[in-house]
Protein backbone atom coordinates (compact mmCIF):
# COMPACT_ATOMS: atom_id res chain seq x y z
CA MET A 1 191.83 88.32 40.95
CA SER A 2 191.12 87.20 44.50
CA LYS A 3 189.40 83.92 45.19
CA THR A 4 185.70 83.93 45.96
CA SER A 5 183.47 81.43 47.73
CA ASN A 6 179.80 80.57 47.47
CA TYR A 7 179.71 79.87 51.20
CA LYS A 8 178.85 82.45 53.82
CA LYS A 9 180.66 82.67 57.13
CA GLU A 10 177.43 82.06 59.06
CA GLN A 11 176.92 78.76 57.19
CA ILE A 12 180.45 77.60 57.90
CA ILE A 13 180.27 78.45 61.61
CA ALA A 14 176.87 76.77 61.93
CA ALA A 15 178.26 73.59 60.37
CA ALA A 16 181.32 73.73 62.61
CA LEU A 17 179.14 74.16 65.70
CA GLU A 18 177.12 71.09 64.73
CA LEU A 19 180.32 69.05 64.45
CA VAL A 20 181.22 70.11 67.99
CA ARG A 21 177.70 69.42 69.23
CA LYS A 22 177.84 65.84 67.99
CA GLY A 23 181.48 64.93 68.56
CA GLY A 24 183.08 67.47 70.87
CA GLU A 25 185.66 70.13 70.10
CA GLU A 26 188.15 67.54 68.84
CA ALA A 27 185.70 66.63 66.05
CA LEU A 28 186.24 70.03 64.44
CA THR A 29 189.04 69.65 61.89
CA ALA A 30 189.58 71.17 58.46
CA ARG A 31 188.81 67.83 56.84
CA SER A 32 185.64 67.13 58.84
CA LEU A 33 184.33 70.64 58.23
CA GLY A 34 185.00 70.37 54.52
CA ALA A 35 183.15 67.05 54.43
CA ALA A 36 180.21 68.55 56.34
CA MET A 37 180.03 71.43 53.86
CA GLY A 38 180.53 69.17 50.84
CA CYS A 39 183.63 70.95 49.60
CA SER A 40 187.38 71.18 49.94
CA THR A 41 188.93 73.32 52.65
CA SER A 42 189.96 76.10 50.25
CA PRO A 43 186.53 77.79 49.96
CA LEU A 44 186.15 77.66 53.75
CA PHE A 45 189.45 79.34 54.45
CA THR A 46 188.81 81.91 51.74
CA VAL A 47 185.86 83.09 53.84
CA CYS A 48 187.12 82.46 57.39
CA GLY A 49 190.88 82.80 57.11
CA ASN A 50 192.04 79.63 58.86
CA LEU A 51 190.90 76.93 61.25
CA GLU A 52 191.91 78.93 64.32
CA GLU A 53 189.62 81.77 63.26
CA ILE A 54 186.82 79.28 62.77
CA ARG A 55 187.40 77.81 66.24
CA LYS A 56 187.22 81.27 67.83
CA ALA A 57 183.96 81.99 66.04
CA VAL A 58 182.54 78.63 67.14
CA HIS A 59 183.50 79.37 70.76
CA LYS A 60 181.52 82.60 70.55
CA ALA A 61 178.60 80.79 68.91
CA ALA A 62 178.54 78.31 71.82
CA VAL A 63 178.35 81.15 74.35
CA ASP A 64 175.64 82.86 72.30
CA GLU A 65 173.60 79.65 72.27
CA PHE A 66 173.83 79.40 76.05
CA VAL A 67 172.84 83.06 76.49
CA ASP A 68 169.79 82.48 74.31
CA TYR A 69 168.92 79.42 76.44
CA VAL A 70 168.97 81.36 79.73
CA LYS A 71 167.77 84.80 78.59
CA ASP A 72 164.22 84.30 79.88
CA ALA A 73 165.49 83.62 83.43
CA VAL A 74 165.15 87.33 84.24
CA ASN A 75 161.35 86.90 84.14
CA TYR A 76 161.37 84.34 86.98
CA ILE A 77 161.45 84.66 90.76
CA PRO A 78 164.10 84.11 91.96
CA ALA A 79 165.83 84.90 88.67
CA PHE A 80 169.31 83.84 89.78
CA LYS A 81 167.99 80.44 90.87
CA GLU A 82 166.29 79.93 87.52
CA TYR A 83 169.54 80.90 85.81
CA GLY A 84 171.43 78.28 87.81
CA MET A 85 168.85 75.61 87.02
CA ARG A 86 169.06 76.41 83.33
CA LEU A 87 172.85 76.30 83.41
CA VAL A 88 172.79 72.73 84.73
CA LYS A 89 170.00 71.72 82.32
CA PHE A 90 171.94 73.16 79.41
CA ALA A 91 174.99 71.12 80.38
CA ILE A 92 172.91 67.94 80.51
CA GLU A 93 171.14 68.63 77.20
CA GLN A 94 174.13 70.03 75.30
CA PRO A 95 177.27 68.65 77.02
CA ASN A 96 179.70 69.41 74.20
CA ILE A 97 178.42 72.97 73.74
CA TYR A 98 178.62 73.49 77.51
CA ARG A 99 182.23 72.27 77.54
CA LEU A 100 183.10 74.66 74.75
CA ALA A 101 181.33 77.60 76.40
CA PHE A 102 182.47 77.08 80.00
CA LEU A 103 185.52 74.81 80.04
CA SER A 104 187.59 76.74 77.54
CA ALA A 105 190.09 79.47 78.32
CA ASP A 106 188.94 81.32 75.20
CA THR A 107 185.42 81.80 76.50
CA ALA A 108 185.87 81.87 80.28
CA SER A 109 185.61 85.65 80.40
CA ASP A 110 182.33 85.54 78.47
CA ALA A 111 180.57 83.20 80.90
CA LEU A 112 179.16 86.06 83.00
CA ASN A 113 176.93 87.43 80.31
CA PRO A 114 174.36 90.27 80.52
CA VAL A 115 171.61 87.84 81.57
CA ALA A 116 173.61 86.67 84.59
CA ILE A 117 174.49 90.24 85.52
CA GLU A 118 170.83 91.29 85.33
CA CYS A 119 169.77 88.37 87.55
CA LEU A 120 172.53 89.22 90.01
CA LYS A 121 171.48 92.87 90.09
CA GLY A 122 168.11 91.85 91.51
CA ILE A 123 169.79 89.94 94.34
CA THR A 124 172.05 92.87 95.16
CA GLU A 125 169.07 95.21 95.47
CA GLU A 126 166.74 92.76 97.22
CA TYR A 127 169.18 91.75 99.95
CA LYS A 128 170.97 95.11 100.13
CA LEU A 129 174.41 93.68 99.47
CA SER A 130 177.59 95.64 98.97
CA ASP A 131 179.69 95.08 95.86
CA GLU A 132 182.08 92.93 97.90
CA GLN A 133 179.24 90.83 99.33
CA THR A 134 177.69 90.40 95.90
CA GLN A 135 181.01 89.20 94.53
CA MET A 136 181.37 86.69 97.37
CA LEU A 137 177.87 85.35 96.75
CA LEU A 138 178.53 85.13 93.04
CA ASP A 139 181.85 83.33 93.49
CA GLN A 140 180.30 80.69 95.73
CA VAL A 141 177.09 80.05 93.83
CA TRP A 142 178.65 80.30 90.37
CA THR A 143 181.43 77.86 91.24
CA PHE A 144 178.94 75.46 92.82
CA SER A 145 176.55 75.63 89.85
CA CYS A 146 179.32 74.97 87.34
CA GLY A 147 180.50 72.09 89.53
CA LEU A 148 177.02 70.53 89.48
CA ALA A 149 176.87 70.92 85.72
CA THR A 150 180.29 69.36 85.20
CA LEU A 151 179.45 66.41 87.45
CA ALA A 152 176.20 65.95 85.56
CA ILE A 153 177.85 65.63 82.16
CA SER A 154 180.70 63.48 83.47
CA GLY A 155 178.25 60.79 84.49
CA ALA A 156 179.92 60.61 87.90
CA VAL A 157 176.75 61.67 89.70
CA VAL A 158 173.15 61.41 88.49
CA ARG A 159 170.68 63.71 90.23
CA SER A 160 167.05 64.55 89.64
CA GLU A 161 165.91 68.07 88.83
CA GLU A 162 164.47 68.36 92.34
CA GLU A 163 167.79 67.33 93.90
CA ILE A 164 169.66 69.86 91.78
CA SER A 165 167.19 72.55 92.81
CA ASP A 166 167.58 71.72 96.51
CA LEU A 167 171.38 71.77 96.28
CA LEU A 168 171.38 75.16 94.58
CA THR A 169 169.00 76.51 97.22
CA LEU A 170 171.18 75.20 100.05
CA GLN A 171 174.33 76.71 98.58
CA PHE A 172 172.69 80.08 97.96
CA THR A 173 170.96 80.39 101.33
CA SER A 174 173.93 79.17 103.36
CA THR A 175 176.25 81.64 101.63
CA LEU A 176 173.76 84.48 102.02
CA MET A 177 173.25 83.66 105.72
CA PHE A 178 177.00 83.67 106.27
CA ILE A 179 177.33 87.05 104.55
CA LYS A 180 174.47 88.53 106.58
CA SER A 181 175.84 87.08 109.84
CA GLY A 182 178.76 89.48 109.74
CA HIS A 183 181.25 86.76 110.68
CA PRO A 184 184.69 87.25 109.17
CA MET A 185 185.93 84.75 106.62
CA LEU A 186 188.04 82.05 108.25
CA HIS A 187 191.42 81.35 106.71
CA ILE A 188 192.13 77.72 107.61
CA THR A 189 195.33 76.06 106.50
CA PRO A 190 195.54 72.29 107.05
CA ARG A 191 198.45 71.19 109.27
CA LEU A 192 199.80 67.89 110.44
CA ARG A 193 197.63 66.56 113.26
CA LYS A 194 199.36 66.23 116.61
CA GLU A 195 199.11 63.08 118.67
CA GLY A 196 195.84 62.99 120.61
CA GLU A 197 194.14 65.66 118.50
CA GLY A 198 190.93 65.09 116.63
CA SER A 199 190.76 65.28 112.86
CA ALA A 200 188.75 68.53 112.78
CA LEU A 201 190.03 71.99 113.67
CA PRO A 202 188.03 73.56 116.55
CA MET A 203 185.93 76.48 115.38
CA PRO A 204 186.40 79.97 116.88
CA ASP A 205 183.90 80.94 119.57
CA ASN A 206 182.20 83.53 117.35
CA CYS A 207 181.33 80.80 114.83
CA LYS A 208 179.82 78.30 117.25
């Protein structure tokens, strides 16, 4: 007769997520999870297979929590800006869940969820961007937003909500203006400075 357990998978994953929330991903071990559930590890693994399966489920739960946090951004104008603001706020409020959702190879492909795609769709239509232009805008703003969030939870830089908002606006508008200018992307490779040269590379005439 196969072993049975009184615990449900949803209960186990919820407990595991709380361990990560409080102590980071490294806090999730078989022993700590068993202690949190008030049992040995055997009933847990009867339901979930093994610790690796539990970790994968917790990764997904972290992404789901973030998606729930930002889902209402589509009702704001501009939606993509609200999404970016919420991303940074989420990182500040839930640093360990943010790390699990965005700084893990297992969940990196899930970061661009349906909410983000819906917000981005509005930008594409509003500014009449091609698929290539939309991707460029996304790459720049998404990377910048995640950078702000990571700096915020590292404690390296402390910024107010207004400062974060202004920085996101500057990054978005400057990238959009570049795209709409029609200027080609510059491919600049640093080289050893020659004697008598300045430290900055002169810009092409069409970018002055």
